[in-house]
Amino acid sequence: MNSIIKKATACEAYPDGVPRFGGTCWRVTGPSLDEIATAIGVEVYVDHLGKRLVIVTVF
């Protein structure tokens, strides 16, 4: 997953993403360690105290 983010070839908002709890949804695409094009779903949230949560899903 780290390789995909470091070598990202695209980053775009989810076309159909519905963020929950005021978050944002993004899709990051890049090559895996095996050089296979892979996408990662990233959702970012900030709570009322300013704490951040990042959820990453590989698909």
C-alpha atoms as a PDB file:
ATOM      1  CA  MET A   1       0.000   0.000   0.000  1.00  0.00           C
ATOM      2  CA  ASN A   2       2.861   2.372   0.788  1.00  0.00           C
ATOM      3  CA  SER A   3       4.256   1.870  -2.739  1.00  0.00           C
ATOM      4  CA  ILE A   4       0.910   2.744  -4.309  1.00  0.00           C
ATOM      5  CA  ILE A   5       0.716   6.038  -2.440  1.00  0.00           C
ATOM      6  CA  LYS A   6       4.386   6.930  -3.049  1.00  0.00           C
ATOM      7  CA  LYS A   7       4.129   6.212  -6.797  1.00  0.00           C
ATOM      8  CA  ALA A   8       0.572   7.492  -7.255  1.00  0.00           C
ATOM      9  CA  THR A   9      -0.423   8.220 -10.837  1.00  0.00           C
ATOM     10  CA  ALA A  10      -3.849   9.667 -10.020  1.00  0.00           C
ATOM     11  CA  CYS A  11      -5.854  11.037  -7.114  1.00  0.00           C
ATOM     12  CA  GLU A  12      -9.499  11.922  -7.566  1.00  0.00           C
ATOM     13  CA  ALA A  13     -12.645  12.376  -5.567  1.00  0.00           C
ATOM     14  CA  TYR A  14     -14.880   9.287  -5.478  1.00  0.00           C
ATOM     15  CA  PRO A  15     -17.351   9.658  -8.330  1.00  0.00           C
ATOM     16  CA  ASP A  16     -20.076   7.933  -6.295  1.00  0.00           C
ATOM     17  CA  GLY A  17     -18.581   8.329  -2.832  1.00  0.00           C
ATOM     18  CA  VAL A  18     -20.878   9.469  -0.081  1.00  0.00           C
ATOM     19  CA  PRO A  19     -18.763  10.679   2.817  1.00  0.00           C
ATOM     20  CA  ARG A  20     -20.183  10.070   6.255  1.00  0.00           C
ATOM     21  CA  PHE A  21     -19.796  12.272   9.302  1.00  0.00           C
ATOM     22  CA  GLY A  22     -18.537  15.238   7.251  1.00  0.00           C
ATOM     23  CA  GLY A  23     -15.526  13.402   5.796  1.00  0.00           C
ATOM     24  CA  THR A  24     -14.065  13.391   2.303  1.00  0.00           C
ATOM     25  CA  CYS A  25     -13.617  10.421  -0.046  1.00  0.00           C
ATOM     26  CA  TRP A  26     -10.717   9.990  -2.470  1.00  0.00           C
ATOM     27  CA  ARG A  27      -9.363   7.292  -4.769  1.00  0.00           C
ATOM     28  CA  VAL A  28      -5.581   7.017  -5.205  1.00  0.00           C
ATOM     29  CA  THR A  29      -4.272   4.893  -8.088  1.00  0.00           C
ATOM     30  CA  GLY A  30      -0.706   3.689  -8.591  1.00  0.00           C
ATOM     31  CA  PRO A  31       1.485   0.619  -9.128  1.00  0.00           C
ATOM     32  CA  SER A  32       1.836  -2.029  -6.407  1.00  0.00           C
ATOM     33  CA  LEU A  33       5.205  -3.593  -5.565  1.00  0.00           C
ATOM     34  CA  ASP A  34       4.489  -6.080  -8.385  1.00  0.00           C
ATOM     35  CA  GLU A  35       3.826  -3.140 -10.763  1.00  0.00           C
ATOM     36  CA  ILE A  36       0.105  -3.973 -10.927  1.00  0.00           C
ATOM     37  CA  ALA A  37      -2.206  -0.957 -11.219  1.00  0.00           C
ATOM     38  CA  THR A  38      -4.059  -0.783  -7.900  1.00  0.00           C
ATOM     39  CA  ALA A  39      -6.543   1.655  -6.388  1.00  0.00           C
ATOM     40  CA  ILE A  40      -6.814   2.662  -2.749  1.00  0.00           C
ATOM     41  CA  GLY A  41      -9.876   4.236  -1.196  1.00  0.00           C
ATOM     42  CA  VAL A  42      -9.082   6.962   1.324  1.00  0.00           C
ATOM     43  CA  GLU A  43     -11.596   8.586   3.639  1.00  0.00           C
ATOM     44  CA  VAL A  44     -10.585  11.429   5.941  1.00  0.00           C
ATOM     45  CA  TYR A  45     -12.572  12.704   8.918  1.00  0.00           C
ATOM     46  CA  VAL A  46     -12.018  15.497  11.434  1.00  0.00           C
ATOM     47  CA  ASP A  47     -14.076  15.482  14.629  1.00  0.00           C
ATOM     48  CA  HIS A  48     -15.297  18.476  16.645  1.00  0.00           C
ATOM     49  CA  LEU A  49     -12.047  18.439  18.677  1.00  0.00           C
ATOM     50  CA  GLY A  50      -9.882  18.580  15.553  1.00  0.00           C
ATOM     51  CA  LYS A  51      -8.774  14.937  15.793  1.00  0.00           C
ATOM     52  CA  ARG A  52      -8.244  13.262  12.436  1.00  0.00           C
ATOM     53  CA  LEU A  53      -9.054   9.734  11.286  1.00  0.00           C
ATOM     54  CA  VAL A  54      -7.863   8.300   7.977  1.00  0.00           C
ATOM     55  CA  ILE A  55      -9.389   5.046   6.691  1.00  0.00           C
ATOM     56  CA  VAL A  56      -7.598   3.317   3.799  1.00  0.00           C
ATOM     57  CA  THR A  57      -9.113   0.472   1.784  1.00  0.00           C
ATOM     58  CA  VAL A  58      -7.298  -1.446  -0.983  1.00  0.00           C
ATOM     59  CA  PHE A  59      -9.497  -2.685  -3.811  1.00  0.00           C
END
